[in-house]
């Protein structure tokens, strides 16, 4: 079995995106491939136990045969954190290594690491410890942040040395994508760091559902209950006169418009353009005419207690921490992976 550990130096960098792409591509090539998320801080209850939410989604999306206790052997629920404070450290380590050893018959085991390289250190299950114990090859995923991303990619190579086979630059803004691909990548290669792929920031993968927005804002749905799983990647603020609003809103498709509950004119302008959802701030409702037009046009309307500034801040926060476990994203992830990831070079690196 060849273990491949996908890690990063920060959360929401795209580890699951690379794990899904690599796992599905290797399966297509006829390999017997397993997947594991050894430690999780975003666990949900399934049956009697807690498992990683992303791992549950990936198991179903890729039709993986292994049971959840092998795919997600240790999840930090409230109960397990209490156990941790009582110094019962062996619990996590034993579960993870038992699950790892049970997949020895696989050709490849793709391991999606924790949020950063130090998460799990108190339990001796941080990325560096697991990489060494599993003797895993390492792919480092870095969400592009400028020059510091080059340092992160090179620094990780110095940390894990021979186990490091290559890196990926992810979430690169489209305006600098050619620069990263044509200049940064060759520069890193000259320093001895293989770059398996450069991925631009994709609107679909960066999008969130209306349901997710409602949960984050603790909002109430006034109409459009059947639209809750629609994906949103653009949002606009409605705080201008209605004539300007129509021109402004028509420039951006499939958006969320955030505006005050008392601005019925802005709400109607948004409904007449390509809008998926309107968020009414200030804890008030709109009038019946607006609701009727919204229902006729298939636009969801949400009411929240927050003021407009606070609502915008919360939405910006969730858009910066999007997850892949939403309908419609898996096929897009596979397509992008096929386009940009150098699979042949990865396989040659493993053989070497």
C-alpha atoms as a PDB file:
ATOM      1  CA  UNK A   1       0.000   0.000   0.000  1.00  0.00           C
ATOM      2  CA  UNK A   2       1.253   3.486  -0.914  1.00  0.00           C
ATOM      3  CA  UNK A   3       0.017   6.127   1.555  1.00  0.00           C
ATOM      4  CA  UNK A   4      -0.272   9.677   0.174  1.00  0.00           C
ATOM      5  CA  UNK A   5      -0.763  12.353   2.829  1.00  0.00           C
ATOM      6  CA  UNK A   6      -2.363  15.597   1.611  1.00  0.00           C
ATOM      7  CA  UNK A   7      -1.571  18.424   3.996  1.00  0.00           C
ATOM      8  CA  UNK A   8      -1.472  22.203   4.233  1.00  0.00           C
ATOM      9  CA  UNK A   9      -0.464  24.964   6.598  1.00  0.00           C
ATOM     10  CA  UNK A  10      -3.981  26.390   6.981  1.00  0.00           C
ATOM     11  CA  UNK A  11      -7.613  25.371   6.870  1.00  0.00           C
ATOM     12  CA  UNK A  12      -9.823  25.705   3.776  1.00  0.00           C
ATOM     13  CA  UNK A  13      -6.838  25.452   1.420  1.00  0.00           C
ATOM     14  CA  UNK A  14      -8.390  22.744  -0.768  1.00  0.00           C
ATOM     15  CA  UNK A  15      -7.118  19.449   0.669  1.00  0.00           C
ATOM     16  CA  UNK A  16     -10.473  17.730   0.129  1.00  0.00           C
ATOM     17  CA  UNK A  17     -10.596  19.040  -3.437  1.00  0.00           C
ATOM     18  CA  UNK A  18      -7.225  17.429  -4.215  1.00  0.00           C
ATOM     19  CA  UNK A  19      -8.121  14.264  -2.283  1.00  0.00           C
ATOM     20  CA  UNK A  20     -11.355  13.823  -4.257  1.00  0.00           C
ATOM     21  CA  UNK A  21      -9.650  14.464  -7.584  1.00  0.00           C
ATOM     22  CA  UNK A  22      -6.725  12.131  -6.876  1.00  0.00           C
ATOM     23  CA  UNK A  23      -8.847   9.338  -5.389  1.00  0.00           C
ATOM     24  CA  UNK A  24     -11.373   9.334  -8.223  1.00  0.00           C
ATOM     25  CA  UNK A  25      -8.666   9.505 -10.923  1.00  0.00           C
ATOM     26  CA  UNK A  26      -6.695   6.588  -9.461  1.00  0.00           C
ATOM     27  CA  UNK A  27      -9.897   4.533  -9.222  1.00  0.00           C
ATOM     28  CA  UNK A  28     -10.576   5.292 -12.898  1.00  0.00           C
ATOM     29  CA  UNK A  29      -7.113   3.930 -13.729  1.00  0.00           C
ATOM     30  CA  UNK A  30      -8.023   0.631 -12.059  1.00  0.00           C
ATOM     31  CA  UNK A  31      -6.188   1.003  -8.766  1.00  0.00           C
ATOM     32  CA  UNK A  32      -7.651  -0.209  -5.484  1.00  0.00           C
ATOM     33  CA  UNK A  33      -7.823   3.089  -3.589  1.00  0.00           C
ATOM     34  CA  UNK A  34      -8.795   3.917  -0.026  1.00  0.00           C
ATOM     35  CA  UNK A  35      -9.512   7.299   1.527  1.00  0.00           C
ATOM     36  CA  UNK A  36      -9.080   8.460   5.123  1.00  0.00           C
ATOM     37  CA  UNK A  37      -9.636  11.645   7.136  1.00  0.00           C
ATOM     38  CA  UNK A  38      -7.743  10.649  10.296  1.00  0.00           C
ATOM     39  CA  UNK A  39      -8.759  13.508  12.576  1.00  0.00           C
ATOM     40  CA  UNK A  40     -11.698  15.892  12.410  1.00  0.00           C
ATOM     41  CA  UNK A  41     -12.955  18.967  14.213  1.00  0.00           C
ATOM     42  CA  UNK A  42     -16.105  19.247  12.095  1.00  0.00           C
ATOM     43  CA  UNK A  43     -17.812  16.063  13.168  1.00  0.00           C
ATOM     44  CA  UNK A  44     -21.476  15.154  12.931  1.00  0.00           C
ATOM     45  CA  UNK A  45     -23.375  12.215  14.390  1.00  0.00           C
ATOM     46  CA  UNK A  46     -24.187   9.346  12.057  1.00  0.00           C
ATOM     47  CA  UNK A  47     -25.813   6.419  13.793  1.00  0.00           C
ATOM     48  CA  UNK A  48     -24.296   6.073  17.256  1.00  0.00           C
ATOM     49  CA  UNK A  49     -20.897   7.646  16.504  1.00  0.00           C
ATOM     50  CA  UNK A  50     -19.358  10.933  15.359  1.00  0.00           C
ATOM     51  CA  UNK A  51     -17.578  11.142  12.004  1.00  0.00           C
ATOM     52  CA  UNK A  52     -16.045  13.885   9.904  1.00  0.00           C
ATOM     53  CA  UNK A  53     -18.726  15.703   7.872  1.00  0.00           C
ATOM     54  CA  UNK A  54     -16.526  15.949   4.760  1.00  0.00           C
ATOM     55  CA  UNK A  55     -15.566  12.271   5.024  1.00  0.00           C
ATOM     56  CA  UNK A  56     -19.231  11.221   5.174  1.00  0.00           C
ATOM     57  CA  UNK A  57     -19.935  13.253   2.044  1.00  0.00           C
ATOM     58  CA  UNK A  58     -16.852  11.942   0.178  1.00  0.00           C
ATOM     59  CA  UNK A  59     -17.663   8.310   1.023  1.00  0.00           C
ATOM     60  CA  UNK A  60     -21.096   8.717  -0.570  1.00  0.00           C
ATOM     61  CA  UNK A  61     -19.900  10.832  -3.507  1.00  0.00           C
ATOM     62  CA  UNK A  62     -17.137   8.379  -4.486  1.00  0.00           C
ATOM     63  CA  UNK A  63     -19.077   5.214  -3.486  1.00  0.00           C
ATOM     64  CA  UNK A  64     -16.313   4.036  -1.148  1.00  0.00           C
ATOM     65  CA  UNK A  65     -16.887   0.580   0.333  1.00  0.00           C
ATOM     66  CA  UNK A  66     -15.065   0.994   3.655  1.00  0.00           C
ATOM     67  CA  UNK A  67     -17.116   1.690   6.811  1.00  0.00           C
ATOM     68  CA  UNK A  68     -17.030   5.168   8.341  1.00  0.00           C
ATOM     69  CA  UNK A  69     -14.978   4.043  11.344  1.00  0.00           C
ATOM     70  CA  UNK A  70     -12.081   3.388   8.945  1.00  0.00           C
ATOM     71  CA  UNK A  71     -12.588   6.449   6.758  1.00  0.00           C
ATOM     72  CA  UNK A  72     -13.008   8.794   9.745  1.00  0.00           C
ATOM     73  CA  UNK A  73     -11.432   6.982  12.725  1.00  0.00           C
ATOM     74  CA  UNK A  74     -11.283   9.898  15.164  1.00  0.00           C
ATOM     75  CA  UNK A  75     -13.572  12.923  15.389  1.00  0.00           C
ATOM     76  CA  UNK A  76     -13.343  15.572  18.081  1.00  0.00           C
ATOM     77  CA  UNK A  77     -16.834  15.854  19.527  1.00  0.00           C
ATOM     78  CA  UNK A  78     -17.530  17.549  22.853  1.00  0.00           C
ATOM     79  CA  UNK A  79     -17.248  14.157  24.560  1.00  0.00           C
ATOM     80  CA  UNK A  80     -13.849  13.359  23.012  1.00  0.00           C
ATOM     81  CA  UNK A  81     -12.477  16.763  24.028  1.00  0.00           C
ATOM     82  CA  UNK A  82     -13.413  15.965  27.631  1.00  0.00           C
ATOM     83  CA  UNK A  83     -11.561  12.653  27.255  1.00  0.00           C
ATOM     84  CA  UNK A  84      -8.563  14.550  25.867  1.00  0.00           C
ATOM     85  CA  UNK A  85      -8.491  16.820  28.919  1.00  0.00           C
ATOM     86  CA  UNK A  86      -8.391  13.710  31.105  1.00  0.00           C
ATOM     87  CA  UNK A  87      -5.180  12.770  29.284  1.00  0.00           C
ATOM     88  CA  UNK A  88      -6.491   9.623  27.604  1.00  0.00           C
ATOM     89  CA  UNK A  89      -4.255  10.371  24.623  1.00  0.00           C
ATOM     90  CA  UNK A  90      -3.923   6.829  23.260  1.00  0.00           C
ATOM     91  CA  UNK A  91      -7.557   6.767  22.137  1.00  0.00           C
ATOM     92  CA  UNK A  92      -7.011   8.878  19.021  1.00  0.00           C
ATOM     93  CA  UNK A  93      -3.677   7.398  18.025  1.00  0.00           C
ATOM     94  CA  UNK A  94      -4.851   3.795  18.329  1.00  0.00           C
ATOM     95  CA  UNK A  95      -8.035   4.370  16.331  1.00  0.00           C
ATOM     96  CA  UNK A  96      -6.175   6.116  13.526  1.00  0.00           C
ATOM     97  CA  UNK A  97      -3.365   3.577  13.233  1.00  0.00           C
ATOM     98  CA  UNK A  98      -5.756   0.617  13.479  1.00  0.00           C
ATOM     99  CA  UNK A  99      -7.782   2.103  10.609  1.00  0.00           C
ATOM    100  CA  UNK A 100      -4.606   2.776   8.635  1.00  0.00           C
ATOM    101  CA  UNK A 101      -3.305  -0.773   9.094  1.00  0.00           C
ATOM    102  CA  UNK A 102      -6.657  -2.258   8.109  1.00  0.00           C
ATOM    103  CA  UNK A 103      -6.234  -0.771   4.613  1.00  0.00           C
ATOM    104  CA  UNK A 104      -2.883  -2.392   3.868  1.00  0.00           C
ATOM    105  CA  UNK A 105      -4.435  -4.277   0.939  1.00  0.00           C
ATOM    106  CA  UNK A 106      -5.015  -1.025  -0.982  1.00  0.00           C
ATOM    107  CA  UNK A 107      -2.773   0.064  -3.843  1.00  0.00           C
ATOM    108  CA  UNK A 108      -3.078   3.655  -2.624  1.00  0.00           C
ATOM    109  CA  UNK A 109      -4.446   5.236   0.548  1.00  0.00           C
ATOM    110  CA  UNK A 110      -5.236   8.938   0.147  1.00  0.00           C
ATOM    111  CA  UNK A 111      -5.081  10.656   3.536  1.00  0.00           C
ATOM    112  CA  UNK A 112      -6.607  14.118   3.945  1.00  0.00           C
ATOM    113  CA  UNK A 113      -4.743  15.801   6.781  1.00  0.00           C
ATOM    114  CA  UNK A 114      -6.106  18.047   9.535  1.00  0.00           C
ATOM    115  CA  UNK A 115      -6.567  21.818   9.298  1.00  0.00           C
ATOM    116  CA  UNK A 116      -2.859  22.589   9.612  1.00  0.00           C
ATOM    117  CA  UNK A 117       0.346  20.669  10.286  1.00  0.00           C
ATOM    118  CA  UNK A 118       0.139  21.149  14.069  1.00  0.00           C
ATOM    119  CA  UNK A 119      -3.524  20.279  14.680  1.00  0.00           C
ATOM    120  CA  UNK A 120      -3.678  17.141  16.831  1.00  0.00           C
ATOM    121  CA  UNK A 121      -0.198  17.617  18.354  1.00  0.00           C
ATOM    122  CA  UNK A 122      -1.429  17.084  21.937  1.00  0.00           C
ATOM    123  CA  UNK A 123      -2.809  13.719  20.832  1.00  0.00           C
ATOM    124  CA  UNK A 124       0.347  12.793  18.870  1.00  0.00           C
ATOM    125  CA  UNK A 125      -1.712  12.659  15.674  1.00  0.00           C
ATOM    126  CA  UNK A 126      -0.592  15.889  13.994  1.00  0.00           C
ATOM    127  CA  UNK A 127       0.336  15.774  10.316  1.00  0.00           C
ATOM    128  CA  UNK A 128       4.109  15.506  10.835  1.00  0.00           C
ATOM    129  CA  UNK A 129       3.777  12.666  13.363  1.00  0.00           C
ATOM    130  CA  UNK A 130       1.374  10.698  11.148  1.00  0.00           C
ATOM    131  CA  UNK A 131       3.491  11.238   8.021  1.00  0.00           C
ATOM    132  CA  UNK A 132       6.525   9.786   9.804  1.00  0.00           C
ATOM    133  CA  UNK A 133       4.688   6.859  11.375  1.00  0.00           C
ATOM    134  CA  UNK A 134       2.781   5.975   8.208  1.00  0.00           C
ATOM    135  CA  UNK A 135       5.858   6.538   6.034  1.00  0.00           C
ATOM    136  CA  UNK A 136       3.559   8.473   3.739  1.00  0.00           C
ATOM    137  CA  UNK A 137       4.403  10.502   0.665  1.00  0.00           C
ATOM    138  CA  UNK A 138       3.387  14.149   1.033  1.00  0.00           C
ATOM    139  CA  UNK A 139       1.500  16.511  -1.274  1.00  0.00           C
ATOM    140  CA  UNK A 140       1.320  20.041   0.114  1.00  0.00           C
ATOM    141  CA  UNK A 141      -1.700  22.193  -0.818  1.00  0.00           C
ATOM    142  CA  UNK A 142      -1.316  25.949  -0.533  1.00  0.00           C
ATOM    143  CA  UNK A 143      -4.109  28.465  -1.099  1.00  0.00           C
ATOM    144  CA  UNK A 144      -2.359  31.328  -2.896  1.00  0.00           C
ATOM    145  CA  UNK A 145      -1.493  34.271  -0.625  1.00  0.00           C
ATOM    146  CA  UNK A 146       1.345  35.831  -2.598  1.00  0.00           C
ATOM    147  CA  UNK A 147       5.058  35.421  -1.891  1.00  0.00           C
ATOM    148  CA  UNK A 148       4.350  33.836   1.506  1.00  0.00           C
ATOM    149  CA  UNK A 149       2.808  30.876  -0.340  1.00  0.00           C
ATOM    150  CA  UNK A 150       6.152  30.191  -1.998  1.00  0.00           C
ATOM    151  CA  UNK A 151       7.795  30.171   1.432  1.00  0.00           C
ATOM    152  CA  UNK A 152       5.139  27.793   2.781  1.00  0.00           C
ATOM    153  CA  UNK A 153       5.589  25.309  -0.076  1.00  0.00           C
ATOM    154  CA  UNK A 154       9.373  25.361   0.190  1.00  0.00           C
ATOM    155  CA  UNK A 155       9.359  25.338   3.992  1.00  0.00           C
ATOM    156  CA  UNK A 156       7.197  22.216   4.141  1.00  0.00           C
ATOM    157  CA  UNK A 157       9.636  20.451   1.837  1.00  0.00           C
ATOM    158  CA  UNK A 158      12.457  21.255   4.278  1.00  0.00           C
ATOM    159  CA  UNK A 159      10.356  19.842   7.143  1.00  0.00           C
ATOM    160  CA  UNK A 160       9.456  16.440   5.665  1.00  0.00           C
ATOM    161  CA  UNK A 161      12.442  16.068   3.312  1.00  0.00           C
ATOM    162  CA  UNK A 162      12.387  12.797   1.322  1.00  0.00           C
ATOM    163  CA  UNK A 163       8.700  12.106   1.994  1.00  0.00           C
ATOM    164  CA  UNK A 164       7.786  15.306   0.109  1.00  0.00           C
ATOM    165  CA  UNK A 165       6.911  14.577  -3.522  1.00  0.00           C
ATOM    166  CA  UNK A 166       5.280  17.819  -4.623  1.00  0.00           C
ATOM    167  CA  UNK A 167       2.895  20.695  -4.054  1.00  0.00           C
ATOM    168  CA  UNK A 168      -0.205  22.379  -5.451  1.00  0.00           C
ATOM    169  CA  UNK A 169      -1.033  26.078  -5.598  1.00  0.00           C
ATOM    170  CA  UNK A 170      -4.787  26.449  -5.182  1.00  0.00           C
ATOM    171  CA  UNK A 171      -7.339  29.283  -5.232  1.00  0.00           C
ATOM    172  CA  UNK A 172      -5.174  31.511  -7.411  1.00  0.00           C
ATOM    173  CA  UNK A 173      -7.090  34.657  -8.510  1.00  0.00           C
ATOM    174  CA  UNK A 174      -7.749  34.522 -12.247  1.00  0.00           C
ATOM    175  CA  UNK A 175      -5.982  37.839 -12.925  1.00  0.00           C
ATOM    176  CA  UNK A 176      -2.625  36.478 -11.681  1.00  0.00           C
ATOM    177  CA  UNK A 177      -3.119  32.832 -12.687  1.00  0.00           C
ATOM    178  CA  UNK A 178      -0.788  33.124 -15.744  1.00  0.00           C
ATOM    179  CA  UNK A 179       1.921  34.709 -13.549  1.00  0.00           C
ATOM    180  CA  UNK A 180       1.772  31.890 -10.987  1.00  0.00           C
ATOM    181  CA  UNK A 181       1.713  29.184 -13.649  1.00  0.00           C
ATOM    182  CA  UNK A 182       4.351  30.654 -15.983  1.00  0.00           C
ATOM    183  CA  UNK A 183       6.707  32.360 -13.525  1.00  0.00           C
ATOM    184  CA  UNK A 184       6.226  31.105  -9.954  1.00  0.00           C
ATOM    185  CA  UNK A 185       5.957  27.430 -10.882  1.00  0.00           C
ATOM    186  CA  UNK A 186       9.226  27.350 -12.932  1.00  0.00           C
ATOM    187  CA  UNK A 187      10.983  29.278 -10.146  1.00  0.00           C
ATOM    188  CA  UNK A 188       9.904  26.709  -7.530  1.00  0.00           C
ATOM    189  CA  UNK A 189      10.911  23.853  -9.825  1.00  0.00           C
ATOM    190  CA  UNK A 190      14.416  25.325 -10.095  1.00  0.00           C
ATOM    191  CA  UNK A 191      14.601  25.223  -6.294  1.00  0.00           C
ATOM    192  CA  UNK A 192      13.846  21.497  -6.425  1.00  0.00           C
ATOM    193  CA  UNK A 193      10.137  21.711  -5.514  1.00  0.00           C
ATOM    194  CA  UNK A 194       7.781  19.879  -7.849  1.00  0.00           C
ATOM    195  CA  UNK A 195       4.498  21.658  -8.535  1.00  0.00           C
ATOM    196  CA  UNK A 196       1.871  19.113  -9.612  1.00  0.00           C
ATOM    197  CA  UNK A 197      -0.737  21.739 -10.423  1.00  0.00           C
ATOM    198  CA  UNK A 198      -1.828  25.372 -10.283  1.00  0.00           C
ATOM    199  CA  UNK A 199      -5.580  25.882  -9.791  1.00  0.00           C
ATOM    200  CA  UNK A 200      -7.447  29.134 -10.228  1.00  0.00           C
ATOM    201  CA  UNK A 201     -10.127  30.257  -7.792  1.00  0.00           C
ATOM    202  CA  UNK A 202     -13.281  28.677  -9.173  1.00  0.00           C
ATOM    203  CA  UNK A 203     -16.637  30.387  -8.585  1.00  0.00           C
ATOM    204  CA  UNK A 204     -18.591  27.154  -8.230  1.00  0.00           C
ATOM    205  CA  UNK A 205     -16.195  25.614  -5.707  1.00  0.00           C
ATOM    206  CA  UNK A 206     -16.130  28.910  -3.783  1.00  0.00           C
ATOM    207  CA  UNK A 207     -19.927  29.134  -3.667  1.00  0.00           C
ATOM    208  CA  UNK A 208     -22.286  28.374  -0.766  1.00  0.00           C
ATOM    209  CA  UNK A 209     -25.916  27.314  -0.615  1.00  0.00           C
ATOM    210  CA  UNK A 210     -28.763  29.573   0.458  1.00  0.00           C
ATOM    211  CA  UNK A 211     -29.332  27.061   3.271  1.00  0.00           C
ATOM    212  CA  UNK A 212     -25.769  27.662   4.502  1.00  0.00           C
ATOM    213  CA  UNK A 213     -26.321  31.436   4.431  1.00  0.00           C
ATOM    214  CA  UNK A 214     -29.520  31.095   6.474  1.00  0.00           C
ATOM    215  CA  UNK A 215     -27.715  28.984   9.077  1.00  0.00           C
ATOM    216  CA  UNK A 216     -24.772  31.402   9.285  1.00  0.00           C
ATOM    217  CA  UNK A 217     -27.025  34.455   9.671  1.00  0.00           C
ATOM    218  CA  UNK A 218     -29.617  32.714  11.859  1.00  0.00           C
ATOM    219  CA  UNK A 219     -32.222  33.945   9.398  1.00  0.00           C
ATOM    220  CA  UNK A 220     -35.814  33.072   8.630  1.00  0.00           C
ATOM    221  CA  UNK A 221     -37.079  32.069   5.182  1.00  0.00           C
ATOM    222  CA  UNK A 222     -40.058  34.139   3.971  1.00  0.00           C
ATOM    223  CA  UNK A 223     -40.398  32.495   0.557  1.00  0.00           C
ATOM    224  CA  UNK A 224     -38.448  30.197  -1.741  1.00  0.00           C
ATOM    225  CA  UNK A 225     -38.127  27.134   0.504  1.00  0.00           C
ATOM    226  CA  UNK A 226     -37.491  25.030  -2.609  1.00  0.00           C
ATOM    227  CA  UNK A 227     -34.398  27.138  -3.440  1.00  0.00           C
ATOM    228  CA  UNK A 228     -32.367  26.380  -0.311  1.00  0.00           C
ATOM    229  CA  UNK A 229     -29.821  24.183  -2.108  1.00  0.00           C
ATOM    230  CA  UNK A 230     -29.101  26.769  -4.825  1.00  0.00           C
ATOM    231  CA  UNK A 231     -25.414  27.768  -4.951  1.00  0.00           C
ATOM    232  CA  UNK A 232     -24.370  31.407  -4.513  1.00  0.00           C
ATOM    233  CA  UNK A 233     -20.959  32.922  -5.275  1.00  0.00           C
ATOM    234  CA  UNK A 234     -21.819  36.637  -5.734  1.00  0.00           C
ATOM    235  CA  UNK A 235     -23.415  39.113  -3.372  1.00  0.00           C
ATOM    236  CA  UNK A 236     -24.305  42.784  -3.743  1.00  0.00           C
ATOM    237  CA  UNK A 237     -25.466  45.508  -1.371  1.00  0.00           C
ATOM    238  CA  UNK A 238     -28.626  47.447  -2.220  1.00  0.00           C
ATOM    239  CA  UNK A 239     -28.248  50.924  -0.742  1.00  0.00           C
ATOM    240  CA  UNK A 240     -28.696  53.233  -3.720  1.00  0.00           C
ATOM    241  CA  UNK A 241     -31.577  54.819  -5.635  1.00  0.00           C
ATOM    242  CA  UNK A 242     -33.751  52.462  -7.657  1.00  0.00           C
ATOM    243  CA  UNK A 243     -32.596  53.728 -11.078  1.00  0.00           C
ATOM    244  CA  UNK A 244     -28.968  53.034 -10.212  1.00  0.00           C
ATOM    245  CA  UNK A 245     -29.944  49.705  -8.636  1.00  0.00           C
ATOM    246  CA  UNK A 246     -31.371  48.242 -11.856  1.00  0.00           C
ATOM    247  CA  UNK A 247     -28.189  49.090 -13.775  1.00  0.00           C
ATOM    248  CA  UNK A 248     -25.988  47.862 -10.907  1.00  0.00           C
ATOM    249  CA  UNK A 249     -27.842  44.583 -10.332  1.00  0.00           C
ATOM    250  CA  UNK A 250     -28.015  43.680 -14.036  1.00  0.00           C
ATOM    251  CA  UNK A 251     -24.215  43.363 -14.177  1.00  0.00           C
ATOM    252  CA  UNK A 252     -23.977  40.339 -11.853  1.00  0.00           C
ATOM    253  CA  UNK A 253     -25.840  37.021 -12.360  1.00  0.00           C
ATOM    254  CA  UNK A 254     -27.050  34.481  -9.780  1.00  0.00           C
ATOM    255  CA  UNK A 255     -26.449  36.742  -6.816  1.00  0.00           C
ATOM    256  CA  UNK A 256     -27.585  37.487  -3.284  1.00  0.00           C
ATOM    257  CA  UNK A 257     -28.748  41.058  -2.680  1.00  0.00           C
ATOM    258  CA  UNK A 258     -28.493  42.402   0.859  1.00  0.00           C
ATOM    259  CA  UNK A 259     -30.703  45.368   1.656  1.00  0.00           C
ATOM    260  CA  UNK A 260     -32.840  46.911   4.365  1.00  0.00           C
ATOM    261  CA  UNK A 261     -36.300  45.450   4.936  1.00  0.00           C
ATOM    262  CA  UNK A 262     -37.812  48.908   4.338  1.00  0.00           C
ATOM    263  CA  UNK A 263     -36.321  49.197   0.815  1.00  0.00           C
ATOM    264  CA  UNK A 264     -39.135  47.580  -1.196  1.00  0.00           C
ATOM    265  CA  UNK A 265     -38.006  49.528  -4.289  1.00  0.00           C
ATOM    266  CA  UNK A 266     -34.540  47.940  -4.153  1.00  0.00           C
ATOM    267  CA  UNK A 267     -36.030  44.496  -3.507  1.00  0.00           C
ATOM    268  CA  UNK A 268     -38.257  44.761  -6.592  1.00  0.00           C
ATOM    269  CA  UNK A 269     -35.310  45.946  -8.697  1.00  0.00           C
ATOM    270  CA  UNK A 270     -33.285  42.924  -7.563  1.00  0.00           C
ATOM    271  CA  UNK A 271     -36.157  40.533  -8.342  1.00  0.00           C
ATOM    272  CA  UNK A 272     -36.311  41.814 -11.939  1.00  0.00           C
ATOM    273  CA  UNK A 273     -32.628  40.912 -12.522  1.00  0.00           C
ATOM    274  CA  UNK A 274     -30.723  37.625 -12.170  1.00  0.00           C
ATOM    275  CA  UNK A 275     -31.070  37.229  -8.403  1.00  0.00           C
ATOM    276  CA  UNK A 276     -31.319  33.985  -6.440  1.00  0.00           C
ATOM    277  CA  UNK A 277     -31.857  35.384  -2.961  1.00  0.00           C
ATOM    278  CA  UNK A 278     -32.612  38.646  -1.156  1.00  0.00           C
ATOM    279  CA  UNK A 279     -31.533  39.149   2.442  1.00  0.00           C
ATOM    280  CA  UNK A 280     -33.609  41.656   4.420  1.00  0.00           C
ATOM    281  CA  UNK A 281     -31.677  43.174   7.307  1.00  0.00           C
ATOM    282  CA  UNK A 282     -32.907  44.841  10.461  1.00  0.00           C
ATOM    283  CA  UNK A 283     -35.294  42.154  11.691  1.00  0.00           C
ATOM    284  CA  UNK A 284     -38.298  43.348   9.682  1.00  0.00           C
ATOM    285  CA  UNK A 285     -40.383  41.770   6.910  1.00  0.00           C
ATOM    286  CA  UNK A 286     -41.242  43.151   3.485  1.00  0.00           C
ATOM    287  CA  UNK A 287     -44.690  43.756   1.989  1.00  0.00           C
ATOM    288  CA  UNK A 288     -46.976  41.218   0.301  1.00  0.00           C
ATOM    289  CA  UNK A 289     -46.417  42.607  -3.212  1.00  0.00           C
ATOM    290  CA  UNK A 290     -42.665  41.985  -2.978  1.00  0.00           C
ATOM    291  CA  UNK A 291     -43.253  38.452  -1.684  1.00  0.00           C
ATOM    292  CA  UNK A 292     -45.656  37.703  -4.534  1.00  0.00           C
ATOM    293  CA  UNK A 293     -43.171  38.956  -7.161  1.00  0.00           C
ATOM    294  CA  UNK A 294     -40.375  36.961  -5.527  1.00  0.00           C
ATOM    295  CA  UNK A 295     -42.433  33.765  -5.573  1.00  0.00           C
ATOM    296  CA  UNK A 296     -43.385  34.346  -9.206  1.00  0.00           C
ATOM    297  CA  UNK A 297     -39.734  34.848 -10.192  1.00  0.00           C
ATOM    298  CA  UNK A 298     -38.365  32.018  -8.009  1.00  0.00           C
ATOM    299  CA  UNK A 299     -36.345  34.289  -5.714  1.00  0.00           C
ATOM    300  CA  UNK A 300     -35.824  33.292  -2.080  1.00  0.00           C
ATOM    301  CA  UNK A 301     -36.234  35.980   0.584  1.00  0.00           C
ATOM    302  CA  UNK A 302     -34.569  35.744   3.988  1.00  0.00           C
ATOM    303  CA  UNK A 303     -35.101  38.019   7.002  1.00  0.00           C
ATOM    304  CA  UNK A 304     -32.246  38.488   9.505  1.00  0.00           C
ATOM    305  CA  UNK A 305     -31.856  40.461  12.715  1.00  0.00           C
ATOM    306  CA  UNK A 306     -28.414  41.821  11.787  1.00  0.00           C
ATOM    307  CA  UNK A 307     -27.827  45.223  10.246  1.00  0.00           C
ATOM    308  CA  UNK A 308     -26.520  45.296   6.663  1.00  0.00           C
ATOM    309  CA  UNK A 309     -22.848  45.780   7.636  1.00  0.00           C
ATOM    310  CA  UNK A 310     -22.885  42.801  10.034  1.00  0.00           C
ATOM    311  CA  UNK A 311     -24.685  40.578   7.509  1.00  0.00           C
ATOM    312  CA  UNK A 312     -22.122  41.436   4.810  1.00  0.00           C
ATOM    313  CA  UNK A 313     -19.265  40.672   7.208  1.00  0.00           C
ATOM    314  CA  UNK A 314     -20.742  37.251   8.051  1.00  0.00           C
ATOM    315  CA  UNK A 315     -21.309  36.369   4.390  1.00  0.00           C
ATOM    316  CA  UNK A 316     -17.739  37.358   3.471  1.00  0.00           C
ATOM    317  CA  UNK A 317     -16.560  35.085   6.265  1.00  0.00           C
ATOM    318  CA  UNK A 318     -18.483  32.027   5.054  1.00  0.00           C
ATOM    319  CA  UNK A 319     -17.451  32.626   1.429  1.00  0.00           C
ATOM    320  CA  UNK A 320     -13.807  32.498   2.554  1.00  0.00           C
ATOM    321  CA  UNK A 321     -14.443  29.126   4.237  1.00  0.00           C
ATOM    322  CA  UNK A 322     -16.433  27.222   1.671  1.00  0.00           C
ATOM    323  CA  UNK A 323     -16.529  23.425   1.715  1.00  0.00           C
ATOM    324  CA  UNK A 324     -16.823  20.914  -1.072  1.00  0.00           C
ATOM    325  CA  UNK A 325     -19.665  18.959   0.531  1.00  0.00           C
ATOM    326  CA  UNK A 326     -22.437  20.578  -1.503  1.00  0.00           C
ATOM    327  CA  UNK A 327     -24.323  19.199  -4.499  1.00  0.00           C
ATOM    328  CA  UNK A 328     -22.841  20.085  -7.859  1.00  0.00           C
ATOM    329  CA  UNK A 329     -19.272  20.601  -6.674  1.00  0.00           C
ATOM    330  CA  UNK A 330     -17.863  17.068  -7.028  1.00  0.00           C
ATOM    331  CA  UNK A 331     -18.043  16.884 -10.830  1.00  0.00           C
ATOM    332  CA  UNK A 332     -16.589  20.373 -11.092  1.00  0.00           C
ATOM    333  CA  UNK A 333     -13.715  19.375  -8.792  1.00  0.00           C
ATOM    334  CA  UNK A 334     -12.976  16.304 -10.916  1.00  0.00           C
ATOM    335  CA  UNK A 335     -12.988  18.386 -14.106  1.00  0.00           C
ATOM    336  CA  UNK A 336     -10.575  20.982 -12.724  1.00  0.00           C
ATOM    337  CA  UNK A 337      -8.319  18.237 -11.378  1.00  0.00           C
ATOM    338  CA  UNK A 338      -8.183  16.580 -14.816  1.00  0.00           C
ATOM    339  CA  UNK A 339      -7.279  19.908 -16.425  1.00  0.00           C
ATOM    340  CA  UNK A 340      -4.480  21.035 -14.131  1.00  0.00           C
ATOM    341  CA  UNK A 341      -3.046  18.160 -12.050  1.00  0.00           C
ATOM    342  CA  UNK A 342      -0.041  16.359 -13.574  1.00  0.00           C
ATOM    343  CA  UNK A 343      -1.057  12.791 -12.713  1.00  0.00           C
ATOM    344  CA  UNK A 344       1.715  11.135 -14.744  1.00  0.00           C
ATOM    345  CA  UNK A 345       4.326  13.136 -12.891  1.00  0.00           C
ATOM    346  CA  UNK A 346       2.736  12.193  -9.578  1.00  0.00           C
ATOM    347  CA  UNK A 347       2.868   8.487 -10.464  1.00  0.00           C
ATOM    348  CA  UNK A 348       6.493   8.765 -11.587  1.00  0.00           C
ATOM    349  CA  UNK A 349       7.374  10.506  -8.306  1.00  0.00           C
ATOM    350  CA  UNK A 350       5.805   7.654  -6.347  1.00  0.00           C
ATOM    351  CA  UNK A 351       7.685   5.021  -8.353  1.00  0.00           C
ATOM    352  CA  UNK A 352      10.922   6.932  -7.916  1.00  0.00           C
END
